[in-house]
């Protein structure tokens, strides 16, 4: 049942992303971060396969990708990442699909929603963007994705130890730290790599 849901979510997200034709954005400066993500992100996703048993560190990177590329292009980029993980790693396709949905698609989609809420309810300034969307938003997105997965496991008859939720909460802050750090660096030195950043919105609004 869970596999069917994951497949349906995957097909729906890919259909929406393809319909929006985000590859047109690659004609500008976003080509560099898009290619870099495909080259580097698979190695983060492969970490659990090569870590010692009991030390299953998992990083997502999906929230940063949404901030850099926007949701539609990030979804397509994440699909290439998932294919690379399946080709290079030793997990079967169903396991990689589950990984793609819950550390890729789900946090990316939640990050998009959090970004819309922040744009609506908070003033536009660099502090709100870097801390709200880059750091705290990433922590919330990754953790909520993990909680949703555990709730679905429980609904289909599985058990969810409390320690699992604590581990997901702690791991979410690892993603938050990395995303917040890179977001601040890109805002300062390479804002052209952030599709969700706008000088007109976040800088001019701070001038008297």
C-alpha atoms as a PDB file:
ATOM      1  CA  UNK A   1       0.000   0.000   0.000  1.00  0.00           C
ATOM      2  CA  UNK A   2       2.778   2.410   0.910  1.00  0.00           C
ATOM      3  CA  UNK A   3       4.624   1.569  -2.298  1.00  0.00           C
ATOM      4  CA  UNK A   4       1.515   2.374  -4.347  1.00  0.00           C
ATOM      5  CA  UNK A   5       1.176   5.733  -2.582  1.00  0.00           C
ATOM      6  CA  UNK A   6       4.848   6.538  -3.194  1.00  0.00           C
ATOM      7  CA  UNK A   7       4.535   5.653  -6.871  1.00  0.00           C
ATOM      8  CA  UNK A   8       1.423   7.814  -7.209  1.00  0.00           C
ATOM      9  CA  UNK A   9       3.104  10.775  -5.513  1.00  0.00           C
ATOM     10  CA  UNK A  10       6.128  10.372  -7.762  1.00  0.00           C
ATOM     11  CA  UNK A  11       4.140  10.270 -10.995  1.00  0.00           C
ATOM     12  CA  UNK A  12       1.973  13.218  -9.945  1.00  0.00           C
ATOM     13  CA  UNK A  13       4.942  15.384  -8.948  1.00  0.00           C
ATOM     14  CA  UNK A  14       6.884  14.571 -12.116  1.00  0.00           C
ATOM     15  CA  UNK A  15       3.838  15.268 -14.291  1.00  0.00           C
ATOM     16  CA  UNK A  16       3.326  18.677 -12.672  1.00  0.00           C
ATOM     17  CA  UNK A  17       7.013  19.533 -12.909  1.00  0.00           C
ATOM     18  CA  UNK A  18       7.200  18.540 -16.589  1.00  0.00           C
ATOM     19  CA  UNK A  19       4.017  20.470 -17.378  1.00  0.00           C
ATOM     20  CA  UNK A  20       5.604  23.661 -15.995  1.00  0.00           C
ATOM     21  CA  UNK A  21       8.644  23.226 -18.315  1.00  0.00           C
ATOM     22  CA  UNK A  22      11.245  24.427 -15.780  1.00  0.00           C
ATOM     23  CA  UNK A  23      14.189  23.427 -17.972  1.00  0.00           C
ATOM     24  CA  UNK A  24      13.823  26.827 -19.642  1.00  0.00           C
ATOM     25  CA  UNK A  25      15.480  28.270 -16.520  1.00  0.00           C
ATOM     26  CA  UNK A  26      18.655  26.361 -17.340  1.00  0.00           C
ATOM     27  CA  UNK A  27      19.509  28.868 -20.059  1.00  0.00           C
ATOM     28  CA  UNK A  28      20.711  31.217 -17.315  1.00  0.00           C
ATOM     29  CA  UNK A  29      23.001  30.857 -14.286  1.00  0.00           C
ATOM     30  CA  UNK A  30      20.952  28.031 -12.722  1.00  0.00           C
ATOM     31  CA  UNK A  31      22.572  25.464 -15.007  1.00  0.00           C
ATOM     32  CA  UNK A  32      25.631  25.364 -12.757  1.00  0.00           C
ATOM     33  CA  UNK A  33      23.849  24.533  -9.456  1.00  0.00           C
ATOM     34  CA  UNK A  34      21.520  22.111 -11.261  1.00  0.00           C
ATOM     35  CA  UNK A  35      24.433  20.098 -12.638  1.00  0.00           C
ATOM     36  CA  UNK A  36      26.343  20.339  -9.362  1.00  0.00           C
ATOM     37  CA  UNK A  37      23.379  18.872  -7.486  1.00  0.00           C
ATOM     38  CA  UNK A  38      23.180  15.889  -9.847  1.00  0.00           C
ATOM     39  CA  UNK A  39      26.908  15.290  -9.390  1.00  0.00           C
ATOM     40  CA  UNK A  40      27.127  15.731  -5.602  1.00  0.00           C
ATOM     41  CA  UNK A  41      23.755  14.944  -4.041  1.00  0.00           C
ATOM     42  CA  UNK A  42      23.737  11.204  -4.896  1.00  0.00           C
ATOM     43  CA  UNK A  43      26.741  10.704  -2.613  1.00  0.00           C
ATOM     44  CA  UNK A  44      24.823  12.174   0.318  1.00  0.00           C
ATOM     45  CA  UNK A  45      21.879   9.900  -0.419  1.00  0.00           C
ATOM     46  CA  UNK A  46      24.185   6.892  -0.665  1.00  0.00           C
ATOM     47  CA  UNK A  47      25.679   7.450   2.791  1.00  0.00           C
ATOM     48  CA  UNK A  48      23.300   5.070   4.657  1.00  0.00           C
ATOM     49  CA  UNK A  49      24.333   2.202   2.379  1.00  0.00           C
ATOM     50  CA  UNK A  50      27.977   2.510   3.385  1.00  0.00           C
ATOM     51  CA  UNK A  51      27.737   3.550   7.027  1.00  0.00           C
ATOM     52  CA  UNK A  52      28.221   0.994   9.853  1.00  0.00           C
ATOM     53  CA  UNK A  53      25.047  -0.622  11.151  1.00  0.00           C
ATOM     54  CA  UNK A  54      23.396   1.527  13.796  1.00  0.00           C
ATOM     55  CA  UNK A  55      24.835   4.747  12.348  1.00  0.00           C
ATOM     56  CA  UNK A  56      22.409   5.525   9.556  1.00  0.00           C
ATOM     57  CA  UNK A  57      23.136   9.166   8.778  1.00  0.00           C
ATOM     58  CA  UNK A  58      20.865  10.550   6.079  1.00  0.00           C
ATOM     59  CA  UNK A  59      20.981  14.050   4.604  1.00  0.00           C
ATOM     60  CA  UNK A  60      18.416  15.380   2.155  1.00  0.00           C
ATOM     61  CA  UNK A  61      19.550  18.548   0.412  1.00  0.00           C
ATOM     62  CA  UNK A  62      16.082  18.931  -1.118  1.00  0.00           C
ATOM     63  CA  UNK A  63      15.262  22.179   0.683  1.00  0.00           C
ATOM     64  CA  UNK A  64      18.432  23.851  -0.569  1.00  0.00           C
ATOM     65  CA  UNK A  65      17.646  22.630  -4.071  1.00  0.00           C
ATOM     66  CA  UNK A  66      14.201  24.236  -3.941  1.00  0.00           C
ATOM     67  CA  UNK A  67      15.696  27.546  -2.826  1.00  0.00           C
ATOM     68  CA  UNK A  68      18.232  27.378  -5.645  1.00  0.00           C
ATOM     69  CA  UNK A  69      16.141  26.030  -8.510  1.00  0.00           C
ATOM     70  CA  UNK A  70      12.506  26.440  -7.539  1.00  0.00           C
ATOM     71  CA  UNK A  71      10.193  23.478  -6.911  1.00  0.00           C
ATOM     72  CA  UNK A  72       9.554  22.264 -10.508  1.00  0.00           C
ATOM     73  CA  UNK A  73      13.193  22.180 -11.566  1.00  0.00           C
ATOM     74  CA  UNK A  74      14.239  20.799  -8.174  1.00  0.00           C
ATOM     75  CA  UNK A  75      11.826  17.869  -8.599  1.00  0.00           C
ATOM     76  CA  UNK A  76      13.325  16.979 -11.974  1.00  0.00           C
ATOM     77  CA  UNK A  77      16.838  17.352 -10.581  1.00  0.00           C
ATOM     78  CA  UNK A  78      15.943  15.113  -7.649  1.00  0.00           C
ATOM     79  CA  UNK A  79      14.607  12.520 -10.097  1.00  0.00           C
ATOM     80  CA  UNK A  80      18.043  12.377 -11.740  1.00  0.00           C
ATOM     81  CA  UNK A  81      19.620  12.093  -8.297  1.00  0.00           C
ATOM     82  CA  UNK A  82      17.342   9.162  -7.482  1.00  0.00           C
ATOM     83  CA  UNK A  83      18.243   7.419 -10.739  1.00  0.00           C
ATOM     84  CA  UNK A  84      21.941   7.884  -9.972  1.00  0.00           C
ATOM     85  CA  UNK A  85      21.482   6.430  -6.476  1.00  0.00           C
ATOM     86  CA  UNK A  86      19.685   3.408  -7.938  1.00  0.00           C
ATOM     87  CA  UNK A  87      22.397   2.900 -10.581  1.00  0.00           C
ATOM     88  CA  UNK A  88      25.395   3.284  -8.271  1.00  0.00           C
ATOM     89  CA  UNK A  89      24.041   1.841  -5.014  1.00  0.00           C
ATOM     90  CA  UNK A  90      22.927  -1.657  -4.159  1.00  0.00           C
ATOM     91  CA  UNK A  91      19.365  -0.991  -2.957  1.00  0.00           C
ATOM     92  CA  UNK A  92      16.443  -2.241  -5.003  1.00  0.00           C
ATOM     93  CA  UNK A  93      14.196   0.112  -6.952  1.00  0.00           C
ATOM     94  CA  UNK A  94      11.379   0.136  -4.355  1.00  0.00           C
ATOM     95  CA  UNK A  95      13.775   1.229  -1.612  1.00  0.00           C
ATOM     96  CA  UNK A  96      15.240   3.994  -3.748  1.00  0.00           C
ATOM     97  CA  UNK A  97      11.739   5.148  -4.688  1.00  0.00           C
ATOM     98  CA  UNK A  98      10.826   5.415  -1.012  1.00  0.00           C
ATOM     99  CA  UNK A  99      14.024   7.332  -0.338  1.00  0.00           C
ATOM    100  CA  UNK A 100      13.280   9.697  -3.225  1.00  0.00           C
ATOM    101  CA  UNK A 101       9.790  10.443  -1.948  1.00  0.00           C
ATOM    102  CA  UNK A 102      10.593  10.956   1.745  1.00  0.00           C
ATOM    103  CA  UNK A 103      13.972  12.707   1.644  1.00  0.00           C
ATOM    104  CA  UNK A 104      13.497  14.339  -1.747  1.00  0.00           C
ATOM    105  CA  UNK A 105       9.961  15.091  -2.868  1.00  0.00           C
ATOM    106  CA  UNK A 106       8.317  15.483   0.546  1.00  0.00           C
ATOM    107  CA  UNK A 107      10.804  17.957   2.098  1.00  0.00           C
ATOM    108  CA  UNK A 108      11.003  19.835  -1.213  1.00  0.00           C
ATOM    109  CA  UNK A 109       7.218  20.249  -1.304  1.00  0.00           C
ATOM    110  CA  UNK A 110       6.990  21.223   2.373  1.00  0.00           C
ATOM    111  CA  UNK A 111       9.793  23.737   1.830  1.00  0.00           C
ATOM    112  CA  UNK A 112       7.746  25.277  -0.974  1.00  0.00           C
ATOM    113  CA  UNK A 113       4.735  25.596   1.321  1.00  0.00           C
ATOM    114  CA  UNK A 114       6.764  27.089   4.156  1.00  0.00           C
ATOM    115  CA  UNK A 115       8.251  29.603   1.731  1.00  0.00           C
ATOM    116  CA  UNK A 116       4.792  30.705   0.614  1.00  0.00           C
ATOM    117  CA  UNK A 117       3.691  31.176   4.226  1.00  0.00           C
ATOM    118  CA  UNK A 118       6.768  33.231   5.073  1.00  0.00           C
ATOM    119  CA  UNK A 119       6.308  35.407   1.999  1.00  0.00           C
ATOM    120  CA  UNK A 120       2.725  36.062   3.006  1.00  0.00           C
ATOM    121  CA  UNK A 121       3.071  36.659   6.735  1.00  0.00           C
ATOM    122  CA  UNK A 122       6.580  38.008   7.355  1.00  0.00           C
ATOM    123  CA  UNK A 123       8.354  41.116   6.041  1.00  0.00           C
ATOM    124  CA  UNK A 124      10.707  40.647   3.080  1.00  0.00           C
ATOM    125  CA  UNK A 125      14.266  41.001   4.307  1.00  0.00           C
ATOM    126  CA  UNK A 126      17.463  38.922   4.058  1.00  0.00           C
ATOM    127  CA  UNK A 127      17.237  37.785   7.689  1.00  0.00           C
ATOM    128  CA  UNK A 128      13.787  36.252   7.166  1.00  0.00           C
ATOM    129  CA  UNK A 129      14.982  34.559   3.981  1.00  0.00           C
ATOM    130  CA  UNK A 130      18.198  33.042   5.345  1.00  0.00           C
ATOM    131  CA  UNK A 131      16.959  32.131   8.803  1.00  0.00           C
ATOM    132  CA  UNK A 132      13.326  31.413   7.994  1.00  0.00           C
ATOM    133  CA  UNK A 133      13.572  29.669   4.651  1.00  0.00           C
ATOM    134  CA  UNK A 134      17.159  28.452   4.764  1.00  0.00           C
ATOM    135  CA  UNK A 135      17.550  27.290   8.372  1.00  0.00           C
ATOM    136  CA  UNK A 136      14.311  26.901  10.346  1.00  0.00           C
ATOM    137  CA  UNK A 137      12.241  26.117   7.271  1.00  0.00           C
ATOM    138  CA  UNK A 138      14.586  23.299   6.317  1.00  0.00           C
ATOM    139  CA  UNK A 139      14.515  21.809   9.827  1.00  0.00           C
ATOM    140  CA  UNK A 140      10.713  21.852   9.802  1.00  0.00           C
ATOM    141  CA  UNK A 141      10.455  20.408   6.285  1.00  0.00           C
ATOM    142  CA  UNK A 142      12.843  17.500   6.871  1.00  0.00           C
ATOM    143  CA  UNK A 143      11.369  16.647  10.264  1.00  0.00           C
ATOM    144  CA  UNK A 144       7.751  16.818   9.081  1.00  0.00           C
ATOM    145  CA  UNK A 145       8.620  14.558   6.146  1.00  0.00           C
ATOM    146  CA  UNK A 146      10.022  11.987   8.558  1.00  0.00           C
ATOM    147  CA  UNK A 147       7.012  12.261  10.861  1.00  0.00           C
ATOM    148  CA  UNK A 148       4.647  11.778   7.929  1.00  0.00           C
ATOM    149  CA  UNK A 149       6.516   8.653   6.855  1.00  0.00           C
ATOM    150  CA  UNK A 150       6.389   7.194  10.360  1.00  0.00           C
ATOM    151  CA  UNK A 151       2.651   7.934  10.636  1.00  0.00           C
ATOM    152  CA  UNK A 152       2.022   6.153   7.352  1.00  0.00           C
ATOM    153  CA  UNK A 153       4.044   3.169   8.590  1.00  0.00           C
ATOM    154  CA  UNK A 154       1.815   3.054  11.646  1.00  0.00           C
ATOM    155  CA  UNK A 155      -1.343   3.248   9.540  1.00  0.00           C
ATOM    156  CA  UNK A 156      -0.274   0.202   7.520  1.00  0.00           C
ATOM    157  CA  UNK A 157       0.372  -1.779  10.686  1.00  0.00           C
ATOM    158  CA  UNK A 158       3.981  -0.966  11.507  1.00  0.00           C
ATOM    159  CA  UNK A 159       5.417   0.214  14.789  1.00  0.00           C
ATOM    160  CA  UNK A 160       7.160   3.541  15.374  1.00  0.00           C
ATOM    161  CA  UNK A 161       9.551   3.658  18.373  1.00  0.00           C
ATOM    162  CA  UNK A 162       9.788   7.062  20.033  1.00  0.00           C
ATOM    163  CA  UNK A 163      13.539   7.010  19.500  1.00  0.00           C
ATOM    164  CA  UNK A 164      12.966   7.132  15.730  1.00  0.00           C
ATOM    165  CA  UNK A 165      11.184  10.480  15.968  1.00  0.00           C
ATOM    166  CA  UNK A 166      13.932  11.845  18.199  1.00  0.00           C
ATOM    167  CA  UNK A 167      16.541  10.722  15.669  1.00  0.00           C
ATOM    168  CA  UNK A 168      14.617  12.359  12.829  1.00  0.00           C
ATOM    169  CA  UNK A 169      14.384  15.586  14.831  1.00  0.00           C
ATOM    170  CA  UNK A 170      18.140  15.625  15.408  1.00  0.00           C
ATOM    171  CA  UNK A 171      18.955  14.721  11.803  1.00  0.00           C
ATOM    172  CA  UNK A 172      16.715  17.513  10.544  1.00  0.00           C
ATOM    173  CA  UNK A 173      19.023  20.048  12.172  1.00  0.00           C
ATOM    174  CA  UNK A 174      21.986  18.705  10.236  1.00  0.00           C
ATOM    175  CA  UNK A 175      20.186  19.508   7.004  1.00  0.00           C
ATOM    176  CA  UNK A 176      19.083  22.847   8.447  1.00  0.00           C
ATOM    177  CA  UNK A 177      22.656  23.834   9.328  1.00  0.00           C
ATOM    178  CA  UNK A 178      24.003  23.008   5.874  1.00  0.00           C
ATOM    179  CA  UNK A 179      21.117  24.635   4.019  1.00  0.00           C
ATOM    180  CA  UNK A 180      21.205  27.746   6.177  1.00  0.00           C
ATOM    181  CA  UNK A 181      24.958  28.098   5.742  1.00  0.00           C
ATOM    182  CA  UNK A 182      24.880  27.693   1.961  1.00  0.00           C
ATOM    183  CA  UNK A 183      21.872  29.979   1.665  1.00  0.00           C
ATOM    184  CA  UNK A 184      23.689  32.756   3.535  1.00  0.00           C
ATOM    185  CA  UNK A 185      26.809  32.267   1.401  1.00  0.00           C
ATOM    186  CA  UNK A 186      24.833  32.346  -1.848  1.00  0.00           C
ATOM    187  CA  UNK A 187      22.857  35.417  -0.788  1.00  0.00           C
ATOM    188  CA  UNK A 188      26.120  37.231  -0.144  1.00  0.00           C
ATOM    189  CA  UNK A 189      28.273  36.013  -3.040  1.00  0.00           C
ATOM    190  CA  UNK A 190      26.115  34.231  -5.661  1.00  0.00           C
ATOM    191  CA  UNK A 191      22.480  35.378  -5.486  1.00  0.00           C
ATOM    192  CA  UNK A 192      22.058  34.388  -9.142  1.00  0.00           C
ATOM    193  CA  UNK A 193      22.129  30.770  -7.952  1.00  0.00           C
ATOM    194  CA  UNK A 194      18.979  31.275  -5.873  1.00  0.00           C
ATOM    195  CA  UNK A 195      15.838  31.232  -7.993  1.00  0.00           C
ATOM    196  CA  UNK A 196      13.754  32.146  -4.917  1.00  0.00           C
ATOM    197  CA  UNK A 197      15.859  35.208  -4.093  1.00  0.00           C
ATOM    198  CA  UNK A 198      15.112  38.689  -5.439  1.00  0.00           C
ATOM    199  CA  UNK A 199      17.168  41.810  -4.792  1.00  0.00           C
ATOM    200  CA  UNK A 200      14.101  43.925  -5.477  1.00  0.00           C
ATOM    201  CA  UNK A 201      12.103  42.114  -2.830  1.00  0.00           C
ATOM    202  CA  UNK A 202      14.632  41.419  -0.102  1.00  0.00           C
ATOM    203  CA  UNK A 203      17.063  44.335  -0.382  1.00  0.00           C
ATOM    204  CA  UNK A 204      15.138  47.345  -1.653  1.00  0.00           C
ATOM    205  CA  UNK A 205      12.448  46.719   0.930  1.00  0.00           C
ATOM    206  CA  UNK A 206      15.020  47.316   3.693  1.00  0.00           C
ATOM    207  CA  UNK A 207      16.007  50.760   2.423  1.00  0.00           C
ATOM    208  CA  UNK A 208      14.332  53.783   4.098  1.00  0.00           C
END
